[in-house]
Amino acid sequence: MLHEIGHLLFNHHAVGAKDTHMFGDLLPDLDASLVTGLLGRTDYTTRQEREAEMLASLIRTSADDAAQNRPRSVAGKLAASLGIEASADE
């Protein structure tokens, strides 16, 4: 999922997407151009794949770090919300 988000954020485009008319029938509540952009990619350049995968890895690493460093105590949460760096979180 993060890999696909990377393609969207980098504005990578589909190459040679076929049968895009069926997306409207299968997913009528979604914008056809969005669905085509997500599902219609059939060929990627190596650069596009590396960019999308690198961004996915950076997002995942950042989220993991944030989860591990999240304060547990009420005082730690309050300090974090005020932008204060607590010395010890009990």
Protein backbone atom coordinates (compact mmCIF):
# COMPACT_ATOMS: atom_id res chain seq x y z
CA MET A 1 0.00 0.00 0.00
CA LEU A 2 2.77 2.48 0.87
CA HIS A 3 4.47 1.57 -2.41
CA GLU A 4 1.34 2.58 -4.33
CA ILE A 5 1.08 5.79 -2.31
CA GLY A 6 4.65 6.50 -3.39
CA HIS A 7 3.61 6.19 -7.05
CA LEU A 8 0.75 8.63 -6.43
CA LEU A 9 2.93 11.16 -4.61
CA PHE A 10 5.59 11.05 -7.32
CA ASN A 11 2.84 11.41 -9.96
CA HIS A 12 3.96 8.29 -11.82
CA HIS A 13 1.72 7.55 -14.77
CA ALA A 14 0.39 4.37 -16.29
CA VAL A 15 2.06 3.17 -19.46
CA GLY A 16 -0.13 1.39 -21.98
CA ALA A 17 -3.10 0.81 -19.68
CA LYS A 18 -5.72 -1.34 -21.40
CA ASP A 19 -9.37 -2.11 -20.73
CA THR A 20 -9.81 0.89 -18.48
CA HIS A 21 -13.54 1.02 -19.32
CA MET A 22 -14.18 -1.95 -17.02
CA PHE A 23 -12.96 -0.03 -13.96
CA GLY A 24 -16.02 2.19 -14.09
CA ASP A 25 -18.29 -0.85 -13.99
CA LEU A 26 -16.37 -2.53 -11.16
CA LEU A 27 -15.81 0.56 -9.01
CA PRO A 28 -18.60 3.01 -9.87
CA ASP A 29 -18.19 5.17 -6.74
CA LEU A 30 -14.54 6.00 -7.44
CA ASP A 31 -13.11 8.52 -9.87
CA ALA A 32 -12.20 6.62 -13.06
CA SER A 33 -8.91 8.47 -13.53
CA LEU A 34 -7.78 7.60 -9.99
CA VAL A 35 -8.64 3.93 -10.46
CA THR A 36 -6.92 3.86 -13.83
CA GLY A 37 -3.83 5.47 -12.34
CA LEU A 38 -3.68 2.95 -9.52
CA LEU A 39 -4.68 -0.24 -11.24
CA GLY A 40 -3.92 0.57 -14.83
CA ARG A 41 -0.14 0.62 -14.54
CA THR A 42 1.24 -2.21 -16.60
CA ASP A 43 4.83 -1.20 -17.12
CA TYR A 44 7.17 0.67 -14.83
CA THR A 45 10.53 2.16 -15.39
CA THR A 46 13.20 1.02 -12.97
CA ARG A 47 13.53 4.57 -11.63
CA GLN A 48 9.82 4.74 -10.81
CA GLU A 49 9.92 1.47 -8.89
CA ARG A 50 12.98 2.55 -6.91
CA GLU A 51 11.41 5.91 -6.06
CA ALA A 52 8.13 4.37 -4.91
CA GLU A 53 9.84 1.66 -2.87
CA MET A 54 12.28 4.11 -1.25
CA LEU A 55 9.45 6.43 -0.20
CA ALA A 56 7.47 3.47 1.18
CA SER A 57 10.50 2.41 3.21
CA LEU A 58 11.05 5.92 4.57
CA ILE A 59 7.40 6.27 5.59
CA ARG A 60 7.41 2.85 7.25
CA THR A 61 10.66 3.56 9.13
CA SER A 62 9.42 6.95 10.29
CA ALA A 63 6.14 5.47 11.52
CA ASP A 64 7.96 2.67 13.35
CA ASP A 65 10.31 5.16 15.03
CA ALA A 66 7.41 7.37 16.09
CA ALA A 67 5.54 4.40 17.58
CA GLN A 68 8.58 3.25 19.55
CA ASN A 69 9.29 6.72 20.93
CA ARG A 70 5.70 7.47 21.92
CA PRO A 71 5.42 8.53 25.58
CA ARG A 72 3.51 6.12 27.83
CA SER A 73 2.78 8.16 30.94
CA VAL A 74 0.30 11.00 31.21
CA ALA A 75 3.14 13.41 32.07
CA GLY A 76 5.14 12.20 29.06
CA LYS A 77 2.15 12.63 26.73
CA LEU A 78 1.48 16.11 28.11
CA ALA A 79 5.13 17.11 27.68
CA ALA A 80 5.15 15.79 24.11
CA SER A 81 1.95 17.66 23.26
CA LEU A 82 3.54 20.88 24.53
CA GLY A 83 6.75 20.24 22.64
CA ILE A 84 8.74 19.68 25.79
CA GLU A 85 11.34 16.96 25.75
CA ALA A 86 10.86 14.86 28.88
CA SER A 87 14.00 13.40 30.46
CA ALA A 88 12.35 10.17 31.62
CA ASP A 89 8.96 8.76 30.77
CA GLU A 90 7.62 6.41 33.42
